[in-house]
Amino acid sequence: MEHEKKQFKNKTELAKALNIGSRKTLYERAKKNNVDLDKLEFDEEELLYLSGKRRRPIETHGEQSKKHKETIDKHKEQSRYTKETQEIAELKAKLAGKDELIEELRKDKADLSKKLDENQQSLKSLLTQQQLLTLHNNVTEEQGEAVDGDFEETEQPTQEQEKTDKPKKRWWNIFS
């Protein structure tokens, strides 16, 4: 079923064709029946709405409430979605920051572990050197005591050496 469209030059011509006395009435009917007057080309059904001979069906209060509720629900859903999207973006940003921090801490840990290993090696080296030095000192002291003991023996003759070193007192030594 094809509707034939009629073309008008302007809104005044449209109002005269529909026997409408004022433009105000024309605008009110167009608004009430959702008809766009700017296009100036109308089909039979739209002309009937504008003439006032026919009205668009009026939605009942229940239907309007239902549509209104659906609109509100859609708005709430969209708002919740937007809020959740923002929260996800914030959490991703925080997570990225924490990932960077974790990576820095891992690097610091590796550096500290390396320094600890170096320090342990240095400590082992120092302990080994200390042990060698202590051993060397002990050996030197023992050798020194042995050397000192040798000097003491030569400088201080024992009783046996004194007996042999002194001339024996015998009767023929009286003449000497």
Foldseek 3Di string as FASTA:
>chain_A
DDFDKDADPAVVRLCVVLVHDDVVLLVVLCVQQVHDRVVRIGTPVVSCSSSVVDHDDDDDPVVVVVVVVVVVVVVVVVVVVVVVVVVVVVVVVVVVVVVVVVVVVVVVVVVVVVVVVVVVVVVVVVVVVVVVVVVVVVVVVVVVVVVVVVVCCVVDPDPVVVVVVDDDDDPVVVVD
